[in-house]
Amino acid sequence: MKVDRNLWRAILKDFSWSNIKRVLIMDNSPHGEFSLEKQIEEAKQAWLIAQRQMDWADKDLLESAILYTTTCERRYMGLMQKAKAQGFTSWKQSDLTAPSPSSSPSA
């Protein structure tokens, strides 16, 4: 409901595309930014949904479903590459341990 009120305020009072984008897309973080982790998770969910839609798409909608699935996949992969470039990892640095000498293969 809060988003609806803010959306109407953005439309009626101070209309601008940036205000509407802020209300609809941005989260409530202190800087008004849409976090990369949240974007990645939403892109992954969209991709999974698109894959499920291909299961029930009929002959007329199949091409559209394929294009949508490809688009979602590319967005997800692009966000993952962006996260990798920014140094994000899916593990904690403290979880990484050097292999012990006894576990190395003997020649």
N, C-alpha and C. Protein backbone atom coordinates (compact mmCIF):
# COMPACT_ATOMS: atom_id res chain seq x y z
N MET A 1 0.81 -1.19 0.00
CA MET A 1 0.00 0.00 0.00
C MET A 1 0.86 1.25 0.00
N LYS A 2 2.01 1.18 0.70
CA LYS A 2 2.89 2.34 0.75
C LYS A 2 3.44 2.66 -0.63
N VAL A 3 3.75 1.63 -1.40
CA VAL A 3 4.26 1.86 -2.75
C VAL A 3 3.19 2.53 -3.60
N ASP A 4 1.95 2.10 -3.46
CA ASP A 4 0.86 2.71 -4.22
C ASP A 4 0.73 4.20 -3.91
N ARG A 5 0.77 4.54 -2.63
CA ARG A 5 0.67 5.94 -2.22
C ARG A 5 1.84 6.75 -2.77
N ASN A 6 3.04 6.18 -2.68
CA ASN A 6 4.22 6.87 -3.21
C ASN A 6 4.16 6.99 -4.72
N LEU A 7 3.62 5.98 -5.38
CA LEU A 7 3.49 6.03 -6.83
C LEU A 7 2.54 7.14 -7.25
N TRP A 8 1.39 7.21 -6.61
CA TRP A 8 0.44 8.28 -6.94
C TRP A 8 1.04 9.65 -6.67
N ARG A 9 1.79 9.78 -5.59
CA ARG A 9 2.44 11.05 -5.28
C ARG A 9 3.44 11.40 -6.38
N ALA A 10 4.21 10.40 -6.84
CA ALA A 10 5.19 10.63 -7.90
C ALA A 10 4.52 11.02 -9.21
N ILE A 11 3.34 10.44 -9.47
CA ILE A 11 2.65 10.74 -10.72
C ILE A 11 1.96 12.10 -10.66
N LEU A 12 1.23 12.36 -9.59
CA LEU A 12 0.40 13.55 -9.53
C LEU A 12 1.14 14.81 -9.10
N LYS A 13 2.02 14.68 -8.13
CA LYS A 13 2.65 15.87 -7.57
C LYS A 13 3.89 16.30 -8.34
N ASP A 14 4.85 15.44 -8.39
CA ASP A 14 6.13 15.80 -9.03
C ASP A 14 6.50 14.75 -10.06
N PHE A 15 5.77 14.74 -11.16
CA PHE A 15 5.97 13.72 -12.19
C PHE A 15 7.34 13.84 -12.83
N SER A 16 8.05 12.74 -12.80
CA SER A 16 9.27 12.56 -13.57
C SER A 16 9.54 11.06 -13.64
N TRP A 17 10.18 10.63 -14.69
CA TRP A 17 10.45 9.20 -14.84
C TRP A 17 11.39 8.71 -13.75
N SER A 18 12.30 9.56 -13.31
CA SER A 18 13.22 9.13 -12.26
C SER A 18 12.48 8.90 -10.94
N ASN A 19 11.47 9.73 -10.64
CA ASN A 19 10.70 9.52 -9.41
C ASN A 19 9.89 8.23 -9.49
N ILE A 20 9.30 7.97 -10.64
CA ILE A 20 8.52 6.75 -10.80
C ILE A 20 9.44 5.53 -10.71
N LYS A 21 10.61 5.62 -11.32
CA LYS A 21 11.57 4.52 -11.25
C LYS A 21 11.99 4.29 -9.80
N ARG A 22 12.23 5.36 -9.07
CA ARG A 22 12.63 5.24 -7.67
C ARG A 22 11.55 4.54 -6.86
N VAL A 23 10.30 4.89 -7.10
CA VAL A 23 9.19 4.30 -6.35
C VAL A 23 8.97 2.84 -6.72
N LEU A 24 9.03 2.51 -8.00
CA LEU A 24 8.72 1.16 -8.44
C LEU A 24 9.88 0.19 -8.35
N ILE A 25 11.09 0.64 -8.61
CA ILE A 25 12.22 -0.28 -8.74
C ILE A 25 13.15 -0.27 -7.55
N MET A 26 13.44 0.89 -7.03
CA MET A 26 14.44 0.99 -5.98
C MET A 26 13.90 0.43 -4.67
N ASP A 27 14.78 -0.14 -3.87
CA ASP A 27 14.36 -0.62 -2.57
C ASP A 27 14.51 0.51 -1.56
N ASN A 28 14.28 0.23 -0.32
CA ASN A 28 14.30 1.27 0.70
C ASN A 28 15.65 1.36 1.39
N SER A 29 16.71 1.12 0.69
CA SER A 29 18.03 1.24 1.28
C SER A 29 18.35 2.71 1.51
N PRO A 30 19.30 3.01 2.39
CA PRO A 30 19.58 4.41 2.73
C PRO A 30 19.94 5.28 1.53
N HIS A 31 20.61 4.72 0.56
CA HIS A 31 21.02 5.50 -0.61
C HIS A 31 20.04 5.36 -1.76
N GLY A 32 18.96 4.62 -1.56
CA GLY A 32 17.97 4.44 -2.62
C GLY A 32 18.48 3.61 -3.78
N GLU A 33 19.41 2.72 -3.50
CA GLU A 33 19.98 1.89 -4.56
C GLU A 33 19.36 0.50 -4.53
N PHE A 34 19.33 -0.10 -5.66
CA PHE A 34 18.83 -1.45 -5.80
C PHE A 34 20.04 -2.36 -5.67
N SER A 35 20.16 -3.11 -4.57
CA SER A 35 21.37 -3.88 -4.30
C SER A 35 21.61 -4.94 -5.39
N LEU A 36 22.87 -5.17 -5.65
CA LEU A 36 23.25 -6.14 -6.68
C LEU A 36 22.78 -7.54 -6.30
N GLU A 37 22.86 -7.87 -5.01
CA GLU A 37 22.41 -9.19 -4.58
C GLU A 37 20.92 -9.38 -4.85
N LYS A 38 20.15 -8.34 -4.60
CA LYS A 38 18.71 -8.42 -4.83
C LYS A 38 18.41 -8.51 -6.32
N GLN A 39 19.15 -7.78 -7.14
CA GLN A 39 18.96 -7.85 -8.59
C GLN A 39 19.27 -9.26 -9.10
N ILE A 40 20.35 -9.85 -8.59
CA ILE A 40 20.74 -11.19 -9.01
C ILE A 40 19.67 -12.20 -8.62
N GLU A 41 19.18 -12.09 -7.40
CA GLU A 41 18.15 -13.04 -6.95
C GLU A 41 16.87 -12.90 -7.77
N GLU A 42 16.47 -11.68 -8.06
CA GLU A 42 15.26 -11.48 -8.87
C GLU A 42 15.46 -11.94 -10.31
N ALA A 43 16.66 -11.74 -10.85
CA ALA A 43 16.95 -12.21 -12.21
C ALA A 43 16.93 -13.73 -12.26
N LYS A 44 17.45 -14.37 -11.23
CA LYS A 44 17.44 -15.83 -11.17
C LYS A 44 16.01 -16.35 -11.10
N GLN A 45 15.18 -15.72 -10.27
CA GLN A 45 13.78 -16.14 -10.17
C GLN A 45 13.04 -15.95 -11.50
N ALA A 46 13.30 -14.82 -12.17
CA ALA A 46 12.67 -14.57 -13.47
C ALA A 46 13.10 -15.62 -14.48
N TRP A 47 14.36 -16.01 -14.45
CA TRP A 47 14.87 -17.02 -15.37
C TRP A 47 14.20 -18.37 -15.11
N LEU A 48 14.07 -18.74 -13.83
CA LEU A 48 13.43 -20.01 -13.49
C LEU A 48 11.95 -20.02 -13.90
N ILE A 49 11.28 -18.90 -13.70
CA ILE A 49 9.88 -18.79 -14.11
C ILE A 49 9.77 -18.90 -15.64
N ALA A 50 10.68 -18.24 -16.34
CA ALA A 50 10.66 -18.30 -17.80
C ALA A 50 10.88 -19.73 -18.29
N GLN A 51 11.75 -20.47 -17.61
CA GLN A 51 11.97 -21.87 -18.00
C GLN A 51 10.72 -22.70 -17.78
N ARG A 52 10.00 -22.44 -16.68
CA ARG A 52 8.75 -23.16 -16.42
C ARG A 52 7.68 -22.80 -17.45
N GLN A 53 7.68 -21.54 -17.90
CA GLN A 53 6.69 -21.13 -18.90
C GLN A 53 6.89 -21.85 -20.22
N MET A 54 8.11 -22.22 -20.51
CA MET A 54 8.38 -22.95 -21.76
C MET A 54 7.72 -24.32 -21.75
N ASP A 55 7.49 -24.89 -20.56
CA ASP A 55 6.86 -26.20 -20.47
C ASP A 55 5.42 -26.18 -20.95
N TRP A 56 4.73 -25.09 -20.71
CA TRP A 56 3.32 -25.04 -21.09
C TRP A 56 3.02 -24.12 -22.27
N ALA A 57 4.04 -23.53 -22.86
CA ALA A 57 3.83 -22.65 -24.02
C ALA A 57 3.36 -23.47 -25.22
N ASP A 58 2.32 -22.99 -25.86
CA ASP A 58 1.83 -23.69 -27.04
C ASP A 58 2.63 -23.25 -28.28
N LYS A 59 2.25 -23.79 -29.41
CA LYS A 59 3.00 -23.54 -30.65
C LYS A 59 3.07 -22.05 -30.98
N ASP A 60 2.00 -21.31 -30.72
CA ASP A 60 1.98 -19.89 -31.05
C ASP A 60 2.85 -19.05 -30.13
N LEU A 61 3.01 -19.48 -28.88
CA LEU A 61 3.77 -18.70 -27.90
C LEU A 61 5.18 -19.22 -27.66
N LEU A 62 5.54 -20.29 -28.33
CA LEU A 62 6.84 -20.90 -28.07
C LEU A 62 8.00 -19.97 -28.40
N GLU A 63 7.94 -19.29 -29.52
CA GLU A 63 9.03 -18.39 -29.91
C GLU A 63 9.19 -17.27 -28.88
N SER A 64 8.09 -16.72 -28.43
CA SER A 64 8.13 -15.67 -27.42
C SER A 64 8.72 -16.20 -26.12
N ALA A 65 8.33 -17.41 -25.73
CA ALA A 65 8.85 -18.02 -24.51
C ALA A 65 10.36 -18.25 -24.61
N ILE A 66 10.82 -18.67 -25.77
CA ILE A 66 12.26 -18.90 -25.97
C ILE A 66 13.02 -17.59 -25.86
N LEU A 67 12.50 -16.55 -26.51
CA LEU A 67 13.17 -15.24 -26.44
C LEU A 67 13.20 -14.71 -25.01
N TYR A 68 12.09 -14.86 -24.29
CA TYR A 68 12.03 -14.38 -22.91
C TYR A 68 13.00 -15.15 -22.02
N THR A 69 13.07 -16.47 -22.21
CA THR A 69 13.99 -17.28 -21.42
C THR A 69 15.44 -16.88 -21.70
N THR A 70 15.76 -16.66 -22.95
CA THR A 70 17.12 -16.24 -23.33
C THR A 70 17.45 -14.88 -22.73
N THR A 71 16.49 -13.97 -22.76
CA THR A 71 16.70 -12.64 -22.19
C THR A 71 16.95 -12.72 -20.70
N CYS A 72 16.15 -13.51 -19.99
CA CYS A 72 16.31 -13.65 -18.55
C CYS A 72 17.66 -14.30 -18.21
N GLU A 73 18.03 -15.30 -19.00
CA GLU A 73 19.31 -15.97 -18.77
C GLU A 73 20.48 -15.01 -18.97
N ARG A 74 20.43 -14.22 -20.02
CA ARG A 74 21.53 -13.28 -20.29
C ARG A 74 21.61 -12.19 -19.22
N ARG A 75 20.46 -11.73 -18.74
CA ARG A 75 20.47 -10.73 -17.67
C ARG A 75 21.10 -11.32 -16.41
N TYR A 76 20.70 -12.54 -16.07
CA TYR A 76 21.26 -13.20 -14.89
C TYR A 76 22.77 -13.39 -15.03
N MET A 77 23.21 -13.86 -16.19
CA MET A 77 24.64 -14.08 -16.39
C MET A 77 25.41 -12.76 -16.38
N GLY A 78 24.83 -11.72 -16.95
CA GLY A 78 25.48 -10.40 -16.93
C GLY A 78 25.63 -9.87 -15.52
N LEU A 79 24.60 -10.04 -14.69
CA LEU A 79 24.69 -9.59 -13.29
C LEU A 79 25.71 -10.42 -12.52
N MET A 80 25.79 -11.71 -12.82
CA MET A 80 26.79 -12.56 -12.17
C MET A 80 28.20 -12.13 -12.55
N GLN A 81 28.40 -11.77 -13.82
CA GLN A 81 29.72 -11.29 -14.24
C GLN A 81 30.04 -9.97 -13.57
N LYS A 82 29.06 -9.11 -13.43
CA LYS A 82 29.27 -7.83 -12.74
C LYS A 82 29.65 -8.07 -11.28
N ALA A 83 28.98 -9.00 -10.64
CA ALA A 83 29.30 -9.32 -9.25
C ALA A 83 30.72 -9.89 -9.13
N LYS A 84 31.10 -10.73 -10.08
CA LYS A 84 32.45 -11.30 -10.07
C LYS A 84 33.49 -10.20 -10.25
N ALA A 85 33.21 -9.25 -11.15
CA ALA A 85 34.14 -8.15 -11.38
C ALA A 85 34.28 -7.25 -10.14
N GLN A 86 33.21 -7.17 -9.35
CA GLN A 86 33.25 -6.36 -8.13
C GLN A 86 33.81 -7.13 -6.94
N GLY A 87 34.18 -8.40 -7.15
CA GLY A 87 34.82 -9.18 -6.10
C GLY A 87 33.86 -9.96 -5.22
N PHE A 88 32.61 -10.10 -5.62
CA PHE A 88 31.66 -10.90 -4.83
C PHE A 88 32.02 -12.37 -4.95
N THR A 89 31.82 -13.10 -3.89
CA THR A 89 31.99 -14.55 -3.91
C THR A 89 30.81 -15.19 -3.20
N SER A 90 30.60 -16.46 -3.43
CA SER A 90 29.51 -17.16 -2.77
C SER A 90 29.99 -17.89 -1.52
N TRP A 91 31.22 -17.65 -1.14
CA TRP A 91 31.77 -18.25 0.06
C TRP A 91 32.51 -17.17 0.84
N LYS A 92 32.69 -17.46 2.11
CA LYS A 92 33.43 -16.53 2.96
C LYS A 92 34.92 -16.83 2.83
N GLN A 93 35.72 -15.80 2.90
CA GLN A 93 37.17 -15.97 2.78
C GLN A 93 37.70 -16.86 3.90
N SER A 94 37.08 -16.78 5.08
CA SER A 94 37.54 -17.59 6.21
C SER A 94 37.27 -19.08 6.01
N ASP A 95 36.33 -19.42 5.11
CA ASP A 95 36.03 -20.83 4.84
C ASP A 95 37.09 -21.50 3.98
N LEU A 96 37.89 -20.70 3.31
CA LEU A 96 38.93 -21.25 2.44
C LEU A 96 40.15 -21.63 3.28
N THR A 97 40.62 -22.82 3.08
CA THR A 97 41.82 -23.27 3.78
C THR A 97 42.81 -23.83 2.78
N ALA A 98 44.05 -23.64 3.08
CA ALA A 98 45.09 -24.18 2.21
C ALA A 98 45.13 -25.69 2.38
N PRO A 99 45.39 -26.42 1.30
CA PRO A 99 45.48 -27.88 1.43
C PRO A 99 46.68 -28.27 2.30
N SER A 100 46.47 -29.27 3.12
CA SER A 100 47.57 -29.72 3.96
C SER A 100 48.54 -30.56 3.14
N PRO A 101 49.82 -30.57 3.52
CA PRO A 101 50.81 -31.33 2.74
C PRO A 101 50.50 -32.83 2.69
N SER A 102 49.83 -33.36 3.72
CA SER A 102 49.57 -34.80 3.72
C SER A 102 48.49 -35.18 2.72
N SER A 103 47.66 -34.20 2.30
CA SER A 103 46.60 -34.54 1.37
C SER A 103 47.03 -34.41 -0.09
N SER A 104 48.25 -33.98 -0.33
CA SER A 104 48.71 -33.85 -1.70
C SER A 104 49.01 -35.23 -2.27
N PRO A 105 48.75 -35.43 -3.54
CA PRO A 105 49.01 -36.75 -4.15
C PRO A 105 50.50 -37.05 -4.19
N SER A 106 50.82 -38.25 -3.90
CA SER A 106 52.24 -38.63 -3.94
C SER A 106 52.61 -39.07 -5.34
N ALA A 107 53.84 -38.76 -5.71
CA ALA A 107 54.29 -39.07 -7.06
C ALA A 107 54.86 -40.43 -7.17
